[in-house]
Amino acid sequence: MQLYEVPLGAFPRLVAEQTFVDLAPGATVNVSFETVWSSFLSEFPPSYRVLIAYDPDIFIDGNDFNGDCDLDNNMAEVDGFAINDLLR
């Protein structure tokens, strides 16, 4: 799992990673990153994106029941303005 800081108008920056091998249905994996945040000083706060990055063989492992390769649900992003709203 990889966590990226996404500044407005700039390239995403990898800020944290958490390795895992298997994850049971309903289980979770946590990844964390600490930063100084001011909801009043930043006009354009960065967003944060978390994504699951798979080994290259995920598509050729021969397991038709392996739902991991559903690329539509492997990323989530939280907008910096939404983070500001939570902190105000």
C-alpha atoms as a PDB file:
ATOM      1  CA  MET A   1       0.000   0.000   0.000  1.00  0.00           C
ATOM      2  CA  GLN A   2       1.387   3.401  -0.918  1.00  0.00           C
ATOM      3  CA  LEU A   3       0.417   6.843   0.382  1.00  0.00           C
ATOM      4  CA  TYR A   4       1.079   9.879  -1.791  1.00  0.00           C
ATOM      5  CA  GLU A   5       0.919  13.585  -1.050  1.00  0.00           C
ATOM      6  CA  VAL A   6      -0.502  15.324  -4.126  1.00  0.00           C
ATOM      7  CA  PRO A   7       0.282  19.058  -4.218  1.00  0.00           C
ATOM      8  CA  LEU A   8      -1.922  21.097  -6.536  1.00  0.00           C
ATOM      9  CA  GLY A   9      -0.222  21.371  -9.923  1.00  0.00           C
ATOM     10  CA  ALA A  10       2.747  19.171  -8.963  1.00  0.00           C
ATOM     11  CA  PHE A  11       3.712  15.508  -9.146  1.00  0.00           C
ATOM     12  CA  PRO A  12       2.559  13.171  -6.358  1.00  0.00           C
ATOM     13  CA  ARG A  13       5.205  12.415  -3.736  1.00  0.00           C
ATOM     14  CA  LEU A  14       5.398   9.020  -2.019  1.00  0.00           C
ATOM     15  CA  VAL A  15       5.320   9.699   1.730  1.00  0.00           C
ATOM     16  CA  ALA A  16       4.653   6.252   3.252  1.00  0.00           C
ATOM     17  CA  GLU A  17       4.372   2.566   2.380  1.00  0.00           C
ATOM     18  CA  GLN A  18       3.037  -0.511   4.141  1.00  0.00           C
ATOM     19  CA  THR A  19       3.768  -3.974   2.797  1.00  0.00           C
ATOM     20  CA  PHE A  20       1.263  -6.798   3.100  1.00  0.00           C
ATOM     21  CA  VAL A  21       0.935 -10.193   1.422  1.00  0.00           C
ATOM     22  CA  ASP A  22      -2.614 -11.449   1.980  1.00  0.00           C
ATOM     23  CA  LEU A  23      -5.624  -9.664   3.369  1.00  0.00           C
ATOM     24  CA  ALA A  24      -8.690 -11.555   4.558  1.00  0.00           C
ATOM     25  CA  PRO A  25     -12.142 -10.238   3.598  1.00  0.00           C
ATOM     26  CA  GLY A  26     -13.054  -7.404   5.960  1.00  0.00           C
ATOM     27  CA  ALA A  27      -9.481  -7.030   7.266  1.00  0.00           C
ATOM     28  CA  THR A  28      -7.597  -3.741   7.082  1.00  0.00           C
ATOM     29  CA  VAL A  29      -4.093  -2.453   6.473  1.00  0.00           C
ATOM     30  CA  ASN A  30      -2.972   0.884   7.892  1.00  0.00           C
ATOM     31  CA  VAL A  31      -0.447   3.292   6.462  1.00  0.00           C
ATOM     32  CA  SER A  32       0.372   6.563   8.206  1.00  0.00           C
ATOM     33  CA  PHE A  33       2.274   9.780   7.660  1.00  0.00           C
ATOM     34  CA  GLU A  34       2.713  12.757   9.970  1.00  0.00           C
ATOM     35  CA  THR A  35       2.949  16.320   8.725  1.00  0.00           C
ATOM     36  CA  VAL A  36       2.435  19.835  10.016  1.00  0.00           C
ATOM     37  CA  TRP A  37      -0.998  21.003   8.870  1.00  0.00           C
ATOM     38  CA  SER A  38      -2.631  24.393   9.150  1.00  0.00           C
ATOM     39  CA  SER A  39      -6.151  24.654   7.807  1.00  0.00           C
ATOM     40  CA  PHE A  40      -5.859  28.450   7.776  1.00  0.00           C
ATOM     41  CA  LEU A  41      -2.413  29.089   6.270  1.00  0.00           C
ATOM     42  CA  SER A  42      -2.529  27.020   3.098  1.00  0.00           C
ATOM     43  CA  GLU A  43      -4.544  28.438   0.215  1.00  0.00           C
ATOM     44  CA  PHE A  44      -4.023  25.262  -1.824  1.00  0.00           C
ATOM     45  CA  PRO A  45      -3.670  22.296   0.533  1.00  0.00           C
ATOM     46  CA  PRO A  46      -2.389  19.014  -0.910  1.00  0.00           C
ATOM     47  CA  SER A  47      -4.604  16.003  -1.411  1.00  0.00           C
ATOM     48  CA  TYR A  48      -3.630  12.536  -0.212  1.00  0.00           C
ATOM     49  CA  ARG A  49      -3.931   9.393  -2.304  1.00  0.00           C
ATOM     50  CA  VAL A  50      -3.625   5.806  -1.113  1.00  0.00           C
ATOM     51  CA  LEU A  51      -3.311   2.949  -3.547  1.00  0.00           C
ATOM     52  CA  ILE A  52      -2.685  -0.746  -3.573  1.00  0.00           C
ATOM     53  CA  ALA A  53       0.250  -1.681  -5.795  1.00  0.00           C
ATOM     54  CA  TYR A  54       0.406  -5.337  -6.789  1.00  0.00           C
ATOM     55  CA  ASP A  55       3.283  -7.554  -7.795  1.00  0.00           C
ATOM     56  CA  PRO A  56       3.685  -7.715 -11.573  1.00  0.00           C
ATOM     57  CA  ASP A  57       2.393 -11.306 -11.689  1.00  0.00           C
ATOM     58  CA  ILE A  58      -1.100 -10.480 -10.350  1.00  0.00           C
ATOM     59  CA  PHE A  59      -2.592 -10.780 -13.847  1.00  0.00           C
ATOM     60  CA  ILE A  60      -0.781 -13.997 -14.795  1.00  0.00           C
ATOM     61  CA  ASP A  61      -1.129 -16.058 -11.624  1.00  0.00           C
ATOM     62  CA  GLY A  62      -3.816 -18.279 -13.168  1.00  0.00           C
ATOM     63  CA  ASN A  63      -6.317 -17.685 -10.349  1.00  0.00           C
ATOM     64  CA  ASP A  64      -9.679 -16.703 -11.870  1.00  0.00           C
ATOM     65  CA  PHE A  65     -11.104 -16.061  -8.382  1.00  0.00           C
ATOM     66  CA  ASN A  66      -8.440 -13.527  -7.547  1.00  0.00           C
ATOM     67  CA  GLY A  67     -10.391 -10.255  -7.357  1.00  0.00           C
ATOM     68  CA  ASP A  68      -7.292  -8.263  -6.492  1.00  0.00           C
ATOM     69  CA  CYS A  69      -6.776  -7.237 -10.077  1.00  0.00           C
ATOM     70  CA  ASP A  70      -9.953  -5.094 -10.136  1.00  0.00           C
ATOM     71  CA  LEU A  71      -8.143  -1.836 -10.802  1.00  0.00           C
ATOM     72  CA  ASP A  72     -11.317   0.225 -10.301  1.00  0.00           C
ATOM     73  CA  ASN A  73     -11.180  -0.154  -6.500  1.00  0.00           C
ATOM     74  CA  ASN A  74      -7.459   0.079  -5.746  1.00  0.00           C
ATOM     75  CA  MET A  75      -7.197   3.815  -5.084  1.00  0.00           C
ATOM     76  CA  ALA A  76      -8.821   6.437  -2.884  1.00  0.00           C
ATOM     77  CA  GLU A  77      -8.045  10.142  -2.606  1.00  0.00           C
ATOM     78  CA  VAL A  78      -8.993  12.759  -0.016  1.00  0.00           C
ATOM     79  CA  ASP A  79      -9.008  16.360  -1.142  1.00  0.00           C
ATOM     80  CA  GLY A  80      -6.993  18.824   0.954  1.00  0.00           C
ATOM     81  CA  PHE A  81      -9.988  21.147   1.268  1.00  0.00           C
ATOM     82  CA  ALA A  82     -12.009  18.274   2.782  1.00  0.00           C
ATOM     83  CA  ILE A  83      -9.190  17.746   5.303  1.00  0.00           C
ATOM     84  CA  ASN A  84      -9.339  21.447   6.164  1.00  0.00           C
ATOM     85  CA  ASP A  85     -13.094  21.180   6.761  1.00  0.00           C
ATOM     86  CA  LEU A  86     -12.501  18.305   9.196  1.00  0.00           C
ATOM     87  CA  LEU A  87      -9.965  20.342  11.178  1.00  0.00           C
ATOM     88  CA  ARG A  88     -11.848  23.616  11.443  1.00  0.00           C
END
